[in-house]
Every structure is written in C-alpha cells, then in structure tokens.
C-alpha cells in the first residue's frame, strides 16, 4: 500500500479493486470494470509495472498483466 500511495491518484484505488478481482487482466478489462478512463488506466498500470507490483503476462491471448504476489500464491510459488 505504501508504494501505491506514492502514485497520488484517487483512481488507483478503483483500479486496484478491479485488479484484485481478476489477478490476470488486460488494460481494457480494468478500464471496463473500474470505470476509469483508458488513459488513466494505461498510465497507472505502467507505473504499477515500474514499481514491480504488476508484471506482463505473456500467457494471456492479448497483452496482459498480472498482480504477481497474488498470482504466485495461487500457483504455489510463494
């Protein structure tokens, strides 16, 4: 949460809620679920990736991302 607070955006909480529901997702899916604009979603997901919170997921049909900490719990890596 401390890393997320550094982003200084109210939209981050709506986006994170959508991310936690899906774990593996595309930017478009987060845009639709959160109701946040495409540009804001894209910018915040890029920043979350820079912070190491999200990673690109190449197993997704389109360019996807995943919330790595939660993903690893489900696949048994942590």
C-alpha atoms as a PDB file:
ATOM      1  CA  UNK A   1       0.000   0.000   0.000  1.00  0.00           C
ATOM      2  CA  UNK A   2       2.884   2.380   0.661  1.00  0.00           C
ATOM      3  CA  UNK A   3       4.040   2.051  -2.938  1.00  0.00           C
ATOM      4  CA  UNK A   4       0.523   2.643  -4.238  1.00  0.00           C
ATOM      5  CA  UNK A   5       0.102   5.770  -2.118  1.00  0.00           C
ATOM      6  CA  UNK A   6       3.148   7.275  -3.863  1.00  0.00           C
ATOM      7  CA  UNK A   7       1.127   7.421  -7.088  1.00  0.00           C
ATOM      8  CA  UNK A   8      -1.077  10.197  -5.640  1.00  0.00           C
ATOM      9  CA  UNK A   9      -4.181   9.231  -7.586  1.00  0.00           C
ATOM     10  CA  UNK A  10      -7.686   8.558  -6.340  1.00  0.00           C
ATOM     11  CA  UNK A  11      -8.282   6.336  -9.374  1.00  0.00           C
ATOM     12  CA  UNK A  12      -5.599   3.899  -8.185  1.00  0.00           C
ATOM     13  CA  UNK A  13      -7.943   2.515  -5.531  1.00  0.00           C
ATOM     14  CA  UNK A  14     -10.671   1.798  -8.108  1.00  0.00           C
ATOM     15  CA  UNK A  15      -8.116   0.190 -10.388  1.00  0.00           C
ATOM     16  CA  UNK A  16      -6.591  -1.921  -7.602  1.00  0.00           C
ATOM     17  CA  UNK A  17     -10.032  -3.184  -6.636  1.00  0.00           C
ATOM     18  CA  UNK A  18     -10.584  -4.359 -10.217  1.00  0.00           C
ATOM     19  CA  UNK A  19      -7.088  -5.871 -10.378  1.00  0.00           C
ATOM     20  CA  UNK A  20      -7.624  -7.874  -7.202  1.00  0.00           C
ATOM     21  CA  UNK A  21     -10.830  -9.306  -8.666  1.00  0.00           C
ATOM     22  CA  UNK A  22      -9.120 -10.518 -11.856  1.00  0.00           C
ATOM     23  CA  UNK A  23      -5.415 -11.055 -10.983  1.00  0.00           C
ATOM     24  CA  UNK A  24      -4.623 -11.665 -14.713  1.00  0.00           C
ATOM     25  CA  UNK A  25      -6.120  -8.993 -16.950  1.00  0.00           C
ATOM     26  CA  UNK A  26      -5.768  -6.581 -19.849  1.00  0.00           C
ATOM     27  CA  UNK A  27      -5.902  -2.808 -19.577  1.00  0.00           C
ATOM     28  CA  UNK A  28      -9.254  -2.858 -21.381  1.00  0.00           C
ATOM     29  CA  UNK A  29     -10.745  -5.236 -18.784  1.00  0.00           C
ATOM     30  CA  UNK A  30      -9.613  -2.970 -15.939  1.00  0.00           C
ATOM     31  CA  UNK A  31     -10.986   0.072 -17.753  1.00  0.00           C
ATOM     32  CA  UNK A  32     -14.378  -1.610 -18.113  1.00  0.00           C
ATOM     33  CA  UNK A  33     -14.557  -2.955 -14.564  1.00  0.00           C
ATOM     34  CA  UNK A  34     -13.254   0.143 -12.795  1.00  0.00           C
ATOM     35  CA  UNK A  35     -14.966   2.824 -14.885  1.00  0.00           C
ATOM     36  CA  UNK A  36     -11.687   4.751 -15.071  1.00  0.00           C
ATOM     37  CA  UNK A  37     -10.657   6.337 -18.383  1.00  0.00           C
ATOM     38  CA  UNK A  38      -8.406   4.470 -20.796  1.00  0.00           C
ATOM     39  CA  UNK A  39      -5.554   6.966 -20.456  1.00  0.00           C
ATOM     40  CA  UNK A  40      -5.619   6.883 -16.655  1.00  0.00           C
ATOM     41  CA  UNK A  41      -5.741   3.069 -16.560  1.00  0.00           C
ATOM     42  CA  UNK A  42      -2.849   2.838 -19.014  1.00  0.00           C
ATOM     43  CA  UNK A  43      -0.731   5.343 -17.097  1.00  0.00           C
ATOM     44  CA  UNK A  44      -1.376   3.751 -13.700  1.00  0.00           C
ATOM     45  CA  UNK A  45      -0.790   0.187 -14.907  1.00  0.00           C
ATOM     46  CA  UNK A  46       2.506   1.296 -16.458  1.00  0.00           C
ATOM     47  CA  UNK A  47       3.506   2.901 -13.143  1.00  0.00           C
ATOM     48  CA  UNK A  48       2.480  -0.208 -11.185  1.00  0.00           C
ATOM     49  CA  UNK A  49       4.631  -2.251 -13.549  1.00  0.00           C
ATOM     50  CA  UNK A  50       7.586   0.093 -12.951  1.00  0.00           C
ATOM     51  CA  UNK A  51       7.120  -0.374  -9.190  1.00  0.00           C
ATOM     52  CA  UNK A  52       7.199  -4.155  -9.626  1.00  0.00           C
ATOM     53  CA  UNK A  53       3.623  -4.642  -8.411  1.00  0.00           C
ATOM     54  CA  UNK A  54       2.404  -5.839 -11.807  1.00  0.00           C
ATOM     55  CA  UNK A  55       4.233  -7.880 -14.432  1.00  0.00           C
ATOM     56  CA  UNK A  56       3.405  -8.578 -18.058  1.00  0.00           C
ATOM     57  CA  UNK A  57       1.719 -11.922 -18.564  1.00  0.00           C
ATOM     58  CA  UNK A  58       2.558 -13.442 -21.923  1.00  0.00           C
ATOM     59  CA  UNK A  59       0.244 -16.434 -21.446  1.00  0.00           C
ATOM     60  CA  UNK A  60      -2.755 -14.146 -21.993  1.00  0.00           C
ATOM     61  CA  UNK A  61      -4.069 -14.001 -25.549  1.00  0.00           C
ATOM     62  CA  UNK A  62      -3.616 -10.228 -25.704  1.00  0.00           C
ATOM     63  CA  UNK A  63      -1.044  -8.178 -23.855  1.00  0.00           C
ATOM     64  CA  UNK A  64      -1.983  -8.952 -20.301  1.00  0.00           C
ATOM     65  CA  UNK A  65      -0.703  -8.161 -16.864  1.00  0.00           C
ATOM     66  CA  UNK A  66      -0.872  -9.900 -13.528  1.00  0.00           C
ATOM     67  CA  UNK A  67      -0.683  -8.949  -9.881  1.00  0.00           C
ATOM     68  CA  UNK A  68       2.332 -11.118  -9.226  1.00  0.00           C
ATOM     69  CA  UNK A  69       2.145 -11.516  -5.435  1.00  0.00           C
ATOM     70  CA  UNK A  70      -1.405 -12.829  -5.502  1.00  0.00           C
ATOM     71  CA  UNK A  71      -0.799 -14.856  -8.679  1.00  0.00           C
ATOM     72  CA  UNK A  72       2.153 -16.634  -7.072  1.00  0.00           C
ATOM     73  CA  UNK A  73       0.057 -17.614  -4.066  1.00  0.00           C
ATOM     74  CA  UNK A  74      -2.471 -19.321  -6.336  1.00  0.00           C
ATOM     75  CA  UNK A  75       0.092 -21.145  -8.452  1.00  0.00           C
ATOM     76  CA  UNK A  76       2.155 -22.185  -5.427  1.00  0.00           C
ATOM     77  CA  UNK A  77       5.289 -20.113  -5.927  1.00  0.00           C
ATOM     78  CA  UNK A  78       5.081 -18.268  -2.595  1.00  0.00           C
END
